[in-house]
């Protein structure tokens, strides 16, 4: 994949590394397990980052609308999108 089309019409380039709009999403449980494996196997920073990127979902933030586009591990499948609230406030707040 080299370009991602957001529903707002913006094209997100996913070739640039590091990508200013690329994010990683990993559960706290998965991160904890990964940290344990790193400690046990005495991974260096590069090895830890390699394993982290394989375990995490890839997320891209659209610079035009702020939408988050979430892809399954390895960019194989589009999972979902998240749109910022109009009020720009955390959900669940009164």
N, C-alpha and C. Protein backbone atom coordinates (compact mmCIF):
# COMPACT_ATOMS: atom_id res chain seq x y z
N UNK A 1 0.86 -1.17 0.00
CA UNK A 1 0.00 0.00 0.00
C UNK A 1 0.90 1.23 0.00
N UNK A 2 0.53 2.25 -0.75
CA UNK A 2 1.33 3.46 -0.75
C UNK A 2 0.51 4.70 -0.46
N UNK A 3 -0.79 4.63 -0.70
CA UNK A 3 -1.67 5.75 -0.42
C UNK A 3 -2.98 5.22 0.15
N UNK A 4 -3.52 5.98 1.09
CA UNK A 4 -4.79 5.62 1.72
C UNK A 4 -5.74 6.78 1.47
N UNK A 5 -6.93 6.49 0.97
CA UNK A 5 -7.91 7.53 0.72
C UNK A 5 -8.87 7.61 1.90
N UNK A 6 -8.90 8.76 2.55
CA UNK A 6 -9.82 9.01 3.65
C UNK A 6 -11.19 9.36 3.06
N UNK A 7 -12.25 9.11 3.82
CA UNK A 7 -13.60 9.43 3.34
C UNK A 7 -13.80 10.92 3.07
N UNK A 8 -12.97 11.77 3.69
CA UNK A 8 -13.09 13.22 3.46
C UNK A 8 -12.46 13.62 2.12
N UNK A 9 -11.77 12.67 1.47
CA UNK A 9 -11.14 12.95 0.19
C UNK A 9 -9.64 13.16 0.28
N UNK A 10 -9.11 13.30 1.49
CA UNK A 10 -7.67 13.48 1.66
C UNK A 10 -6.94 12.17 1.37
N UNK A 11 -5.79 12.29 0.73
CA UNK A 11 -4.96 11.13 0.45
C UNK A 11 -3.81 11.11 1.46
N UNK A 12 -3.68 9.99 2.17
CA UNK A 12 -2.64 9.83 3.18
C UNK A 12 -1.54 8.96 2.59
N UNK A 13 -0.34 9.49 2.57
CA UNK A 13 0.82 8.76 2.06
C UNK A 13 1.36 7.90 3.20
N UNK A 14 1.49 6.59 2.95
CA UNK A 14 2.01 5.72 4.02
C UNK A 14 3.41 5.19 3.70
N UNK A 15 4.10 5.84 2.77
CA UNK A 15 5.44 5.39 2.40
C UNK A 15 6.51 6.01 3.29
N UNK A 16 6.34 7.28 3.66
CA UNK A 16 7.33 7.99 4.45
C UNK A 16 7.55 7.31 5.80
N UNK A 17 8.83 7.07 6.13
CA UNK A 17 9.17 6.46 7.42
C UNK A 17 10.22 7.32 8.08
N UNK A 18 10.03 7.81 9.27
CA UNK A 18 8.80 7.68 10.04
C UNK A 18 7.70 8.56 9.46
N UNK A 19 6.48 8.08 9.59
CA UNK A 19 5.33 8.80 9.03
C UNK A 19 4.74 9.71 10.09
N UNK A 20 4.62 11.00 9.80
CA UNK A 20 4.08 11.93 10.80
C UNK A 20 2.62 11.67 11.15
N UNK A 21 1.91 10.91 10.32
CA UNK A 21 0.49 10.62 10.57
C UNK A 21 0.26 9.16 10.95
N UNK A 22 1.33 8.38 11.07
CA UNK A 22 1.22 6.98 11.43
C UNK A 22 1.32 6.79 12.94
N UNK A 23 0.48 5.92 13.46
CA UNK A 23 0.44 5.61 14.88
C UNK A 23 0.38 4.10 15.06
N UNK A 24 0.76 3.62 16.23
CA UNK A 24 0.61 2.21 16.57
C UNK A 24 -0.40 2.09 17.69
N UNK A 25 -1.25 1.07 17.61
CA UNK A 25 -2.27 0.82 18.62
C UNK A 25 -2.09 -0.59 19.14
N UNK A 26 -1.83 -0.69 20.44
CA UNK A 26 -1.62 -2.00 21.06
C UNK A 26 -2.30 -2.00 22.42
N UNK A 27 -2.89 -3.12 22.79
CA UNK A 27 -3.55 -3.20 24.09
C UNK A 27 -2.50 -3.22 25.20
N UNK A 28 -2.90 -2.79 26.37
CA UNK A 28 -1.98 -2.81 27.51
C UNK A 28 -1.56 -4.23 27.83
N UNK A 29 -2.48 -5.19 27.68
CA UNK A 29 -2.17 -6.59 27.95
C UNK A 29 -1.11 -7.10 26.97
N UNK A 30 -1.28 -6.80 25.68
CA UNK A 30 -0.29 -7.24 24.68
C UNK A 30 1.06 -6.58 24.92
N UNK A 31 1.04 -5.31 25.29
CA UNK A 31 2.29 -4.60 25.57
C UNK A 31 2.99 -5.20 26.78
N UNK A 32 2.24 -5.55 27.81
CA UNK A 32 2.80 -6.16 29.00
C UNK A 32 3.45 -7.50 28.66
N UNK A 33 2.76 -8.31 27.85
CA UNK A 33 3.32 -9.60 27.43
C UNK A 33 4.60 -9.41 26.62
N UNK A 34 4.57 -8.42 25.74
CA UNK A 34 5.73 -8.12 24.92
C UNK A 34 6.91 -7.67 25.78
N UNK A 35 6.63 -6.86 26.79
CA UNK A 35 7.67 -6.41 27.70
C UNK A 35 8.30 -7.59 28.44
N UNK A 36 7.45 -8.53 28.86
CA UNK A 36 7.94 -9.73 29.54
C UNK A 36 8.85 -10.55 28.64
N UNK A 37 8.45 -10.71 27.38
CA UNK A 37 9.29 -11.45 26.42
C UNK A 37 10.61 -10.73 26.19
N UNK A 38 10.56 -9.40 26.15
CA UNK A 38 11.78 -8.62 25.94
C UNK A 38 12.74 -8.80 27.11
N UNK A 39 12.21 -8.78 28.33
CA UNK A 39 13.05 -8.97 29.51
C UNK A 39 13.67 -10.37 29.52
N UNK A 40 12.84 -11.38 29.25
CA UNK A 40 13.30 -12.77 29.26
C UNK A 40 14.37 -13.02 28.21
N UNK A 41 14.17 -12.47 27.03
CA UNK A 41 15.08 -12.72 25.91
C UNK A 41 16.19 -11.67 25.76
N UNK A 42 16.21 -10.69 26.67
CA UNK A 42 17.24 -9.64 26.64
C UNK A 42 17.30 -8.92 25.29
N UNK A 43 16.10 -8.53 24.79
CA UNK A 43 16.04 -7.82 23.50
C UNK A 43 16.67 -6.44 23.61
N UNK A 44 17.32 -6.02 22.54
CA UNK A 44 17.77 -4.63 22.47
C UNK A 44 16.60 -3.78 21.97
N UNK A 45 16.78 -2.50 21.91
CA UNK A 45 15.71 -1.58 21.53
C UNK A 45 15.17 -1.87 20.13
N UNK A 46 16.04 -2.13 19.19
CA UNK A 46 15.62 -2.40 17.80
C UNK A 46 14.76 -3.65 17.72
N UNK A 47 15.15 -4.69 18.43
CA UNK A 47 14.37 -5.93 18.43
C UNK A 47 13.01 -5.70 19.07
N UNK A 48 12.98 -4.95 20.17
CA UNK A 48 11.71 -4.65 20.83
C UNK A 48 10.78 -3.88 19.88
N UNK A 49 11.29 -2.87 19.20
CA UNK A 49 10.48 -2.07 18.27
C UNK A 49 9.98 -2.95 17.13
N UNK A 50 10.81 -3.83 16.61
CA UNK A 50 10.38 -4.75 15.54
C UNK A 50 9.19 -5.60 15.99
N UNK A 51 9.28 -6.15 17.19
CA UNK A 51 8.19 -6.98 17.72
C UNK A 51 6.95 -6.14 18.04
N UNK A 52 7.17 -4.94 18.52
CA UNK A 52 6.06 -4.04 18.82
C UNK A 52 5.27 -3.71 17.55
N UNK A 53 5.96 -3.37 16.48
CA UNK A 53 5.26 -3.03 15.24
C UNK A 53 4.53 -4.22 14.65
N UNK A 54 5.03 -5.43 14.89
CA UNK A 54 4.33 -6.63 14.40
C UNK A 54 3.09 -6.93 15.24
N UNK A 55 3.12 -6.59 16.53
CA UNK A 55 2.01 -6.90 17.42
C UNK A 55 0.90 -5.85 17.40
N UNK A 56 1.23 -4.65 16.97
CA UNK A 56 0.28 -3.53 17.04
C UNK A 56 -0.55 -3.41 15.77
N UNK A 57 -1.70 -2.76 15.92
CA UNK A 57 -2.49 -2.36 14.76
C UNK A 57 -1.93 -1.05 14.26
N UNK A 58 -1.92 -0.88 12.94
CA UNK A 58 -1.43 0.36 12.34
C UNK A 58 -2.58 1.35 12.22
N UNK A 59 -2.34 2.59 12.63
CA UNK A 59 -3.36 3.64 12.59
C UNK A 59 -2.79 4.83 11.83
N UNK A 60 -3.62 5.44 10.99
CA UNK A 60 -3.22 6.67 10.32
C UNK A 60 -4.23 7.75 10.67
N UNK A 61 -3.72 8.94 10.99
CA UNK A 61 -4.58 10.08 11.31
C UNK A 61 -4.63 11.01 10.10
N UNK A 62 -5.83 11.30 9.65
CA UNK A 62 -6.01 12.20 8.52
C UNK A 62 -5.73 13.64 8.98
N UNK A 63 -4.83 14.31 8.28
CA UNK A 63 -4.48 15.68 8.68
C UNK A 63 -5.58 16.68 8.34
N UNK A 64 -6.51 16.28 7.47
CA UNK A 64 -7.59 17.18 7.06
C UNK A 64 -8.78 17.13 8.03
N UNK A 65 -9.26 15.92 8.35
CA UNK A 65 -10.47 15.80 9.17
C UNK A 65 -10.22 15.22 10.56
N UNK A 66 -9.02 14.69 10.81
CA UNK A 66 -8.71 14.12 12.12
C UNK A 66 -9.17 12.69 12.32
N UNK A 67 -9.81 12.12 11.29
CA UNK A 67 -10.29 10.74 11.37
C UNK A 67 -9.12 9.79 11.59
N UNK A 68 -9.30 8.76 12.42
CA UNK A 68 -8.31 7.71 12.63
C UNK A 68 -8.73 6.49 11.82
N UNK A 69 -7.85 6.01 10.97
CA UNK A 69 -8.11 4.82 10.16
C UNK A 69 -7.27 3.69 10.73
N UNK A 70 -7.93 2.63 11.19
CA UNK A 70 -7.27 1.53 11.88
C UNK A 70 -7.18 0.31 10.99
N UNK A 71 -5.97 -0.23 10.87
CA UNK A 71 -5.73 -1.42 10.07
C UNK A 71 -5.25 -2.55 10.97
N UNK A 72 -5.67 -3.76 10.62
CA UNK A 72 -5.25 -4.94 11.36
C UNK A 72 -3.74 -5.10 11.25
N UNK A 73 -3.17 -5.83 12.15
CA UNK A 73 -1.72 -6.07 12.16
C UNK A 73 -1.21 -6.35 10.74
N UNK A 74 -0.15 -5.67 10.40
CA UNK A 74 0.47 -5.90 9.10
C UNK A 74 -0.20 -5.17 7.94
N UNK A 75 -1.15 -4.28 8.20
CA UNK A 75 -1.84 -3.51 7.18
C UNK A 75 -2.65 -4.38 6.21
N UNK A 76 -2.93 -5.63 6.61
CA UNK A 76 -3.64 -6.54 5.71
C UNK A 76 -5.10 -6.14 5.53
N UNK A 77 -5.76 -5.78 6.59
CA UNK A 77 -7.19 -5.51 6.52
C UNK A 77 -7.56 -4.23 7.24
N UNK A 78 -8.43 -3.44 6.59
CA UNK A 78 -8.98 -2.25 7.23
C UNK A 78 -9.96 -2.71 8.29
N UNK A 79 -9.83 -2.21 9.51
CA UNK A 79 -10.72 -2.61 10.59
C UNK A 79 -11.84 -1.61 10.81
N UNK A 80 -11.47 -0.35 11.08
CA UNK A 80 -12.50 0.63 11.40
C UNK A 80 -11.93 2.03 11.33
N UNK A 81 -12.82 2.99 11.51
CA UNK A 81 -12.41 4.39 11.55
C UNK A 81 -13.06 5.06 12.74
N UNK A 82 -12.41 6.08 13.22
CA UNK A 82 -12.93 6.84 14.36
C UNK A 82 -12.90 8.32 13.97
N UNK A 83 -14.00 8.99 14.22
CA UNK A 83 -14.16 10.38 13.84
C UNK A 83 -14.16 11.23 15.11
N UNK A 84 -13.39 12.33 15.13
CA UNK A 84 -13.39 13.18 16.33
C UNK A 84 -14.78 13.74 16.60
N UNK A 85 -15.10 13.90 17.88
CA UNK A 85 -16.39 14.46 18.23
C UNK A 85 -16.42 15.93 17.86
N UNK A 86 -17.62 16.45 17.66
CA UNK A 86 -17.78 17.85 17.29
C UNK A 86 -17.31 18.78 18.39
N UNK A 87 -17.55 18.40 19.63
CA UNK A 87 -17.19 19.23 20.77
C UNK A 87 -15.71 19.14 21.13
N UNK A 88 -15.04 18.13 20.55
CA UNK A 88 -13.64 17.90 20.85
C UNK A 88 -13.42 17.62 22.32
N UNK A 89 -14.39 16.94 22.95
CA UNK A 89 -14.32 16.58 24.36
C UNK A 89 -14.30 15.06 24.47
N UNK A 90 -13.70 14.54 25.54
CA UNK A 90 -13.73 13.09 25.74
C UNK A 90 -15.17 12.60 25.87
N UNK A 91 -15.46 11.43 25.31
CA UNK A 91 -16.79 10.88 25.45
C UNK A 91 -17.02 10.43 26.89
N UNK A 92 -18.24 10.41 27.31
CA UNK A 92 -18.58 9.99 28.66
C UNK A 92 -18.52 11.11 29.68
N UNK A 93 -18.12 12.28 29.27
CA UNK A 93 -18.05 13.41 30.19
C UNK A 93 -19.38 14.18 30.17
N UNK A 94 -19.85 14.65 31.33
CA UNK A 94 -21.11 15.40 31.36
C UNK A 94 -21.01 16.74 30.66
